[in-house]
């Protein structure tokens, strides 16, 4: 069966409708409980929804479909469950970055959050472009690029999981209140979890290069890199940390890479 771009666009449209509907319902819930942080959880959980839609509607080689959908599902379910534990367990307390947005947006806050939630749904679909492309590939041969993509994905998956666990363990210790986590992977980067999240999407891009139109998959790691380093990831996290522990975090900023895992710099 030949690669059909029209069918790929149909799958993307179905996925967009599903994600926008989910985010509308989540927005209604967030409005009721006054906690916009739930958007993070469902942003991650939208990906498994897209994965299932893509798997059942795509017409590519079955083994490849099972392979890419399985690792994509595993990565996003892990992230979704991690965020679920962090956010849903503290619904009565909205995260600082969303509290700040409420202050900045004033009486337009609910309208702006509506569009913010819908933008998250759109980003879900744009980021899944590699999966759409890969699952449409009719070739019955798994190429070396796809194996390389799998290897990078495994490194990224383990790295992000370890970084999240190290930060959670650090925060559980009462003696660490007001301190900055700078041990383990956090010694080499102020945001190793974000770095490995980006590396995961790079793995999907490399995997997609073996498929027709695969170069289009570059949009996913590019968007993720921009969002994490310029919009919702690093900037918001840094602002919150500077508000909560200004002196300690400023020193951390002076000696530690913001994103990539590098050695220490002179403070």
Protein backbone atom coordinates (compact mmCIF):
# COMPACT_ATOMS: atom_id res chain seq x y z
CA UNK A 1 0.00 0.00 0.00
CA UNK A 2 1.54 3.40 -1.02
CA UNK A 3 2.18 6.24 1.42
CA UNK A 4 -0.93 8.47 1.37
CA UNK A 5 -0.52 12.01 2.72
CA UNK A 6 -4.29 12.60 2.54
CA UNK A 7 -4.98 9.77 4.96
CA UNK A 8 -2.28 11.08 7.29
CA UNK A 9 -4.00 14.48 7.35
CA UNK A 10 -7.33 12.79 8.10
CA UNK A 11 -5.81 11.06 11.13
CA UNK A 12 -4.34 14.38 12.29
CA UNK A 13 -7.77 16.04 11.99
CA UNK A 14 -9.50 13.31 14.00
CA UNK A 15 -6.78 13.62 16.64
CA UNK A 16 -7.18 17.41 16.77
CA UNK A 17 -10.94 17.17 17.29
CA UNK A 18 -10.43 14.63 20.09
CA UNK A 19 -7.74 16.71 21.84
CA UNK A 20 -9.65 20.00 21.56
CA UNK A 21 -12.74 18.34 23.02
CA UNK A 22 -10.77 16.90 25.92
CA UNK A 23 -9.12 20.25 26.64
CA UNK A 24 -12.47 22.04 26.57
CA UNK A 25 -13.77 19.66 29.23
CA UNK A 26 -10.56 20.04 31.25
CA UNK A 27 -10.90 23.84 31.02
CA UNK A 28 -14.42 23.60 32.46
CA UNK A 29 -13.09 21.46 35.32
CA UNK A 30 -10.13 23.78 35.93
CA UNK A 31 -12.49 26.76 36.01
CA UNK A 32 -14.63 25.04 38.63
CA UNK A 33 -11.77 24.00 40.93
CA UNK A 34 -9.68 27.14 40.20
CA UNK A 35 -6.56 25.15 39.36
CA UNK A 36 -5.23 25.52 35.82
CA UNK A 37 -2.34 23.15 36.60
CA UNK A 38 -4.48 20.20 35.51
CA UNK A 39 -3.76 21.22 31.91
CA UNK A 40 -0.24 19.78 32.27
CA UNK A 41 -1.61 16.37 33.19
CA UNK A 42 -4.03 16.17 30.30
CA UNK A 43 -1.53 17.61 27.85
CA UNK A 44 0.55 14.49 28.50
CA UNK A 45 -2.46 12.17 28.56
CA UNK A 46 -3.72 13.49 25.21
CA UNK A 47 -0.79 11.75 23.55
CA UNK A 48 -2.00 8.23 24.44
CA UNK A 49 -5.37 9.20 22.96
CA UNK A 50 -3.66 10.26 19.72
CA UNK A 51 -1.56 7.09 19.77
CA UNK A 52 -4.63 4.86 19.87
CA UNK A 53 -6.38 6.86 17.12
CA UNK A 54 -3.26 6.68 14.97
CA UNK A 55 -2.68 2.98 15.53
CA UNK A 56 -6.21 1.98 14.54
CA UNK A 57 -6.53 4.37 11.59
CA UNK A 58 -3.04 4.25 10.07
CA UNK A 59 -2.24 1.85 7.23
CA UNK A 60 1.52 1.32 7.53
CA UNK A 61 3.56 -1.81 8.31
CA UNK A 62 2.04 -3.46 11.39
CA UNK A 63 5.32 -4.30 13.15
CA UNK A 64 6.53 -0.70 12.83
CA UNK A 65 3.17 0.60 14.06
CA UNK A 66 3.31 -1.61 17.15
CA UNK A 67 6.92 -0.62 17.83
CA UNK A 68 6.55 3.16 17.61
CA UNK A 69 3.11 3.30 19.22
CA UNK A 70 4.30 1.17 22.13
CA UNK A 71 7.29 3.35 23.01
CA UNK A 72 5.31 6.57 22.47
CA UNK A 73 2.51 5.27 24.68
CA UNK A 74 4.96 4.15 27.37
CA UNK A 75 6.78 7.51 27.47
CA UNK A 76 3.66 9.66 27.59
CA UNK A 77 1.82 7.47 30.11
CA UNK A 78 4.87 7.68 32.39
CA UNK A 79 4.93 11.46 32.06
CA UNK A 80 1.17 11.70 32.50
CA UNK A 81 1.18 9.57 35.66
CA UNK A 82 4.14 11.54 37.05
CA UNK A 83 2.26 14.80 36.51
CA UNK A 84 -0.94 13.25 37.88
CA UNK A 85 0.80 12.48 41.17
CA UNK A 86 2.30 15.98 41.31
CA UNK A 87 -0.83 17.96 40.38
CA UNK A 88 -3.91 15.89 41.19
CA UNK A 89 -2.58 15.09 44.65
CA UNK A 90 -2.57 18.84 45.45
CA UNK A 91 -5.64 20.18 43.68
CA UNK A 92 -6.31 22.68 46.44
CA UNK A 93 -2.98 24.40 45.70
CA UNK A 94 -2.38 25.78 42.20
CA UNK A 95 1.23 25.87 40.99
CA UNK A 96 3.01 29.21 41.26
CA UNK A 97 3.33 29.81 37.51
CA UNK A 98 -0.43 29.57 37.03
CA UNK A 99 -1.07 31.77 40.06
CA UNK A 100 1.21 34.33 38.42
CA UNK A 101 -0.75 34.12 35.16
CA UNK A 102 -3.98 34.77 37.08
CA UNK A 103 -2.45 37.96 38.49
CA UNK A 104 -1.20 39.10 35.09
CA UNK A 105 -4.41 38.33 33.17
CA UNK A 106 -6.82 39.81 35.72
CA UNK A 107 -10.47 39.77 34.63
CA UNK A 108 -9.56 38.08 31.32
CA UNK A 109 -8.06 35.05 33.05
CA UNK A 110 -10.74 32.47 32.17
CA UNK A 111 -10.90 33.55 28.52
CA UNK A 112 -7.12 33.44 28.25
CA UNK A 113 -6.96 30.04 29.94
CA UNK A 114 -9.52 28.73 27.44
CA UNK A 115 -7.27 29.69 24.53
CA UNK A 116 -4.21 28.46 26.44
CA UNK A 117 -5.83 25.03 26.91
CA UNK A 118 -6.81 24.85 23.24
CA UNK A 119 -3.27 25.79 22.22
CA UNK A 120 -2.08 22.80 24.25
CA UNK A 121 -4.41 20.55 22.22
CA UNK A 122 -3.04 21.95 18.95
CA UNK A 123 0.51 21.43 20.18
CA UNK A 124 -0.36 17.79 20.96
CA UNK A 125 -1.17 17.16 17.32
CA UNK A 126 1.77 19.13 15.90
CA UNK A 127 4.18 17.26 18.15
CA UNK A 128 2.79 13.91 17.06
CA UNK A 129 3.74 14.49 13.40
CA UNK A 130 6.62 11.95 13.62
CA UNK A 131 4.20 9.26 14.79
CA UNK A 132 1.73 10.04 11.99
CA UNK A 133 4.54 9.74 9.45
CA UNK A 134 6.12 6.60 10.91
CA UNK A 135 2.85 4.66 11.18
CA UNK A 136 2.02 5.47 7.55
CA UNK A 137 5.29 3.94 6.29
CA UNK A 138 4.42 0.80 4.25
CA UNK A 139 8.00 -0.54 4.11
CA UNK A 140 8.36 -4.01 5.68
CA UNK A 141 12.04 -3.42 6.53
CA UNK A 142 13.11 -1.79 9.81
CA UNK A 143 16.09 0.43 8.91
CA UNK A 144 19.27 1.32 10.82
CA UNK A 145 17.92 4.85 11.43
CA UNK A 146 14.93 3.37 13.21
CA UNK A 147 17.18 1.27 15.45
CA UNK A 148 19.27 4.39 16.22
CA UNK A 149 16.08 6.24 17.11
CA UNK A 150 15.08 3.43 19.45
CA UNK A 151 18.48 3.52 21.20
CA UNK A 152 18.31 7.29 21.74
CA UNK A 153 14.72 6.97 22.96
CA UNK A 154 15.78 4.38 25.58
CA UNK A 155 18.53 6.70 26.90
CA UNK A 156 16.11 9.64 27.03
CA UNK A 157 13.33 7.65 28.69
CA UNK A 158 15.60 6.35 31.45
CA UNK A 159 17.27 9.75 31.89
CA UNK A 160 13.99 11.63 32.33
CA UNK A 161 12.66 9.02 34.73
CA UNK A 162 15.83 9.16 36.86
CA UNK A 163 15.82 12.99 36.90
CA UNK A 164 12.18 13.07 38.04
CA UNK A 165 12.86 10.50 40.77
CA UNK A 166 15.94 12.36 42.01
CA UNK A 167 14.02 15.64 42.30
CA UNK A 168 11.07 13.96 44.03
CA UNK A 169 13.39 12.28 46.54
CA UNK A 170 15.14 15.60 47.22
CA UNK A 171 11.84 17.40 47.88
CA UNK A 172 10.65 14.69 50.27
CA UNK A 173 13.49 15.44 52.69
CA UNK A 174 12.34 18.14 55.18
CA UNK A 175 15.95 19.31 55.63
CA UNK A 176 16.04 20.33 51.94
CA UNK A 177 13.24 22.90 52.23
CA UNK A 178 14.44 26.18 50.71
CA UNK A 179 17.44 24.48 49.12
CA UNK A 180 18.21 23.79 45.46
CA UNK A 181 18.46 20.23 44.16
CA UNK A 182 21.97 20.06 42.70
CA UNK A 183 22.79 16.38 43.04
CA UNK A 184 22.69 13.51 40.53
CA UNK A 185 21.70 14.66 37.06
CA UNK A 186 20.74 18.04 38.56
CA UNK A 187 24.44 18.66 39.18
CA UNK A 188 25.03 18.86 35.41
CA UNK A 189 21.87 20.72 34.37
CA UNK A 190 19.26 22.91 36.07
CA UNK A 191 16.61 21.09 34.05
CA UNK A 192 17.78 17.57 33.13
CA UNK A 193 14.17 16.36 32.98
CA UNK A 194 13.43 18.91 30.24
CA UNK A 195 16.61 17.99 28.38
CA UNK A 196 15.71 14.30 28.28
CA UNK A 197 12.12 15.15 27.30
CA UNK A 198 13.52 17.02 24.30
CA UNK A 199 15.89 14.13 23.53
CA UNK A 200 12.88 11.80 23.42
CA UNK A 201 11.39 13.88 20.61
CA UNK A 202 14.73 13.93 18.83
CA UNK A 203 14.59 10.13 18.90
CA UNK A 204 11.17 10.17 17.20
CA UNK A 205 12.54 12.53 14.54
CA UNK A 206 15.51 10.25 13.81
CA UNK A 207 13.15 7.25 13.69
CA UNK A 208 10.91 9.13 11.22
CA UNK A 209 13.79 9.92 8.84
CA UNK A 210 13.51 6.36 7.53
CA UNK A 211 9.95 7.08 6.30
CA UNK A 212 8.65 9.11 3.34
CA UNK A 213 8.23 12.78 4.34
CA UNK A 214 10.25 11.99 7.48
CA UNK A 215 12.15 15.29 7.36
CA UNK A 216 8.88 17.03 8.34
CA UNK A 217 9.23 15.39 11.75
CA UNK A 218 11.90 17.97 12.65
CA UNK A 219 9.00 20.22 13.65
CA UNK A 220 8.47 18.19 16.85
CA UNK A 221 11.88 18.52 18.56
CA UNK A 222 12.04 22.12 17.30
CA UNK A 223 8.73 23.04 18.94
CA UNK A 224 9.62 21.17 22.13
CA UNK A 225 13.00 22.91 22.34
CA UNK A 226 11.39 26.31 21.86
CA UNK A 227 8.61 25.67 24.38
CA UNK A 228 10.93 24.21 27.01
CA UNK A 229 13.65 26.84 26.76
CA UNK A 230 11.67 29.96 25.84
CA UNK A 231 8.01 29.62 26.86
CA UNK A 232 6.50 27.26 29.44
CA UNK A 233 9.42 25.16 30.66
CA UNK A 234 12.68 26.70 31.80
CA UNK A 235 11.53 30.38 32.03
CA UNK A 236 8.50 29.69 34.24
CA UNK A 237 10.40 27.24 36.42
CA UNK A 238 13.32 29.64 36.84
CA UNK A 239 11.02 32.53 37.78
CA UNK A 240 9.28 30.41 40.40
CA UNK A 241 12.58 29.21 41.87
CA UNK A 242 13.95 32.75 41.99
CA UNK A 243 10.86 33.85 43.89
CA UNK A 244 10.99 30.98 46.38
CA UNK A 245 14.76 30.72 46.98
CA UNK A 246 16.44 33.74 45.32
CA UNK A 247 19.99 33.60 46.72
CA UNK A 248 20.48 29.83 46.44
CA UNK A 249 19.01 29.67 42.94
CA UNK A 250 21.04 32.63 41.63
CA UNK A 251 24.20 30.83 42.72
CA UNK A 252 22.94 27.64 41.04
CA UNK A 253 22.32 29.59 37.82
CA UNK A 254 25.89 30.92 37.84
CA UNK A 255 27.49 27.47 38.00
CA UNK A 256 25.11 25.10 36.21
CA UNK A 257 23.92 24.77 32.61
CA UNK A 258 20.27 25.71 32.13
CA UNK A 259 19.40 22.85 29.77
CA UNK A 260 22.13 20.64 28.30
CA UNK A 261 24.17 18.40 30.58
CA UNK A 262 27.58 20.11 30.92
CA UNK A 263 30.25 20.31 33.60
CA UNK A 264 30.16 22.98 36.28
CA UNK A 265 31.10 26.56 35.45
CA UNK A 266 32.98 28.92 37.73
CA UNK A 267 30.50 30.84 39.88
